[in-house]
């Protein structure tokens, strides 16, 4: 039942994204330092979404590593107390 629910939600989101892509095809100018490329709006949105996901993933990886380090420190500290 849970897999079917996820499939229906995934299909609904995919349909909404396809409609969104079809409605956002007009070109926009992007001012980026010296260059001013003209790209379809959806391309800009997809690139920004990808970059946002990449930054979030990288920050999540750092956070997970920090947590592992904290738990490793906590475990070592408790191991010393147990051995004493």
C-alpha atoms as a PDB file:
ATOM      1  CA  UNK A   1       0.000   0.000   0.000  1.00  0.00           C
ATOM      2  CA  UNK A   2       2.836   2.385   0.880  1.00  0.00           C
ATOM      3  CA  UNK A   3       4.585   1.761  -2.460  1.00  0.00           C
ATOM      4  CA  UNK A   4       1.361   2.550  -4.329  1.00  0.00           C
ATOM      5  CA  UNK A   5       0.934   5.755  -2.370  1.00  0.00           C
ATOM      6  CA  UNK A   6       4.509   6.805  -3.195  1.00  0.00           C
ATOM      7  CA  UNK A   7       3.956   5.951  -6.869  1.00  0.00           C
ATOM      8  CA  UNK A   8       0.793   8.063  -7.070  1.00  0.00           C
ATOM      9  CA  UNK A   9       2.489  10.986  -5.321  1.00  0.00           C
ATOM     10  CA  UNK A  10       5.522  10.655  -7.607  1.00  0.00           C
ATOM     11  CA  UNK A  11       3.342  10.607 -10.723  1.00  0.00           C
ATOM     12  CA  UNK A  12       1.374  13.648  -9.538  1.00  0.00           C
ATOM     13  CA  UNK A  13       4.560  15.595  -8.839  1.00  0.00           C
ATOM     14  CA  UNK A  14       6.002  14.556 -12.214  1.00  0.00           C
ATOM     15  CA  UNK A  15       2.849  15.721 -13.990  1.00  0.00           C
ATOM     16  CA  UNK A  16       2.983  19.071 -12.195  1.00  0.00           C
ATOM     17  CA  UNK A  17       6.653  19.463 -13.137  1.00  0.00           C
ATOM     18  CA  UNK A  18       5.943  18.688 -16.786  1.00  0.00           C
ATOM     19  CA  UNK A  19       3.153  21.286 -16.848  1.00  0.00           C
ATOM     20  CA  UNK A  20       5.494  23.759 -15.138  1.00  0.00           C
ATOM     21  CA  UNK A  21       8.180  23.143 -17.783  1.00  0.00           C
ATOM     22  CA  UNK A  22       5.737  23.625 -20.636  1.00  0.00           C
ATOM     23  CA  UNK A  23       4.508  26.930 -19.198  1.00  0.00           C
ATOM     24  CA  UNK A  24       7.976  28.400 -18.549  1.00  0.00           C
ATOM     25  CA  UNK A  25       9.787  28.327 -21.866  1.00  0.00           C
ATOM     26  CA  UNK A  26      10.191  32.070 -22.541  1.00  0.00           C
ATOM     27  CA  UNK A  27      13.814  33.257 -22.632  1.00  0.00           C
ATOM     28  CA  UNK A  28      15.180  35.387 -19.803  1.00  0.00           C
ATOM     29  CA  UNK A  29      18.422  37.319 -19.534  1.00  0.00           C
ATOM     30  CA  UNK A  30      20.674  36.493 -16.613  1.00  0.00           C
ATOM     31  CA  UNK A  31      23.179  39.067 -15.398  1.00  0.00           C
ATOM     32  CA  UNK A  32      26.138  37.058 -14.153  1.00  0.00           C
ATOM     33  CA  UNK A  33      29.246  39.193 -13.643  1.00  0.00           C
ATOM     34  CA  UNK A  34      30.355  40.145 -17.158  1.00  0.00           C
ATOM     35  CA  UNK A  35      28.242  37.748 -19.220  1.00  0.00           C
ATOM     36  CA  UNK A  36      24.525  38.086 -19.891  1.00  0.00           C
ATOM     37  CA  UNK A  37      23.286  34.786 -21.340  1.00  0.00           C
ATOM     38  CA  UNK A  38      19.706  34.443 -22.552  1.00  0.00           C
ATOM     39  CA  UNK A  39      18.219  31.082 -21.564  1.00  0.00           C
ATOM     40  CA  UNK A  40      14.726  29.649 -21.244  1.00  0.00           C
ATOM     41  CA  UNK A  41      13.359  30.251 -17.752  1.00  0.00           C
ATOM     42  CA  UNK A  42      12.947  26.542 -17.052  1.00  0.00           C
ATOM     43  CA  UNK A  43      16.651  25.921 -17.764  1.00  0.00           C
ATOM     44  CA  UNK A  44      17.567  28.595 -15.241  1.00  0.00           C
ATOM     45  CA  UNK A  45      15.174  27.110 -12.679  1.00  0.00           C
ATOM     46  CA  UNK A  46      16.508  23.585 -13.174  1.00  0.00           C
ATOM     47  CA  UNK A  47      20.119  24.763 -12.838  1.00  0.00           C
ATOM     48  CA  UNK A  48      19.290  26.700  -9.657  1.00  0.00           C
ATOM     49  CA  UNK A  49      17.369  23.735  -8.219  1.00  0.00           C
ATOM     50  CA  UNK A  50      20.311  21.435  -8.970  1.00  0.00           C
ATOM     51  CA  UNK A  51      22.778  23.851  -7.367  1.00  0.00           C
ATOM     52  CA  UNK A  52      20.517  24.204  -4.322  1.00  0.00           C
ATOM     53  CA  UNK A  53      20.260  20.427  -3.980  1.00  0.00           C
ATOM     54  CA  UNK A  54      24.037  20.106  -4.347  1.00  0.00           C
ATOM     55  CA  UNK A  55      24.687  22.681  -1.620  1.00  0.00           C
ATOM     56  CA  UNK A  56      22.119  21.011   0.660  1.00  0.00           C
ATOM     57  CA  UNK A  57      23.669  17.606   0.078  1.00  0.00           C
ATOM     58  CA  UNK A  58      27.167  18.896   0.762  1.00  0.00           C
ATOM     59  CA  UNK A  59      26.017  20.621   3.951  1.00  0.00           C
ATOM     60  CA  UNK A  60      24.227  17.417   4.992  1.00  0.00           C
ATOM     61  CA  UNK A  61      27.380  15.381   4.441  1.00  0.00           C
ATOM     62  CA  UNK A  62      29.339  17.814   6.599  1.00  0.00           C
ATOM     63  CA  UNK A  63      26.657  17.671   9.272  1.00  0.00           C
ATOM     64  CA  UNK A  64      26.649  13.859   9.255  1.00  0.00           C
ATOM     65  CA  UNK A  65      30.428  13.772   9.560  1.00  0.00           C
ATOM     66  CA  UNK A  66      30.281  16.254  12.443  1.00  0.00           C
ATOM     67  CA  UNK A  67      27.687  14.104  14.203  1.00  0.00           C
ATOM     68  CA  UNK A  68      29.732  10.954  13.725  1.00  0.00           C
ATOM     69  CA  UNK A  69      32.729  12.735  15.155  1.00  0.00           C
ATOM     70  CA  UNK A  70      30.721  13.966  18.130  1.00  0.00           C
ATOM     71  CA  UNK A  71      29.342  10.509  18.830  1.00  0.00           C
ATOM     72  CA  UNK A  72      32.793   9.002  18.431  1.00  0.00           C
ATOM     73  CA  UNK A  73      34.142  11.455  21.012  1.00  0.00           C
ATOM     74  CA  UNK A  74      31.228  10.703  23.336  1.00  0.00           C
ATOM     75  CA  UNK A  75      31.770   6.960  22.995  1.00  0.00           C
ATOM     76  CA  UNK A  76      35.515   7.222  23.703  1.00  0.00           C
ATOM     77  CA  UNK A  77      34.828   9.360  26.753  1.00  0.00           C
ATOM     78  CA  UNK A  78      32.351   6.800  28.117  1.00  0.00           C
ATOM     79  CA  UNK A  79      34.704   3.907  27.367  1.00  0.00           C
ATOM     80  CA  UNK A  80      37.343   5.563  29.551  1.00  0.00           C
ATOM     81  CA  UNK A  81      34.865   5.950  32.417  1.00  0.00           C
ATOM     82  CA  UNK A  82      33.817   2.305  32.136  1.00  0.00           C
ATOM     83  CA  UNK A  83      37.402   1.063  32.167  1.00  0.00           C
ATOM     84  CA  UNK A  84      38.329   3.125  35.250  1.00  0.00           C
END
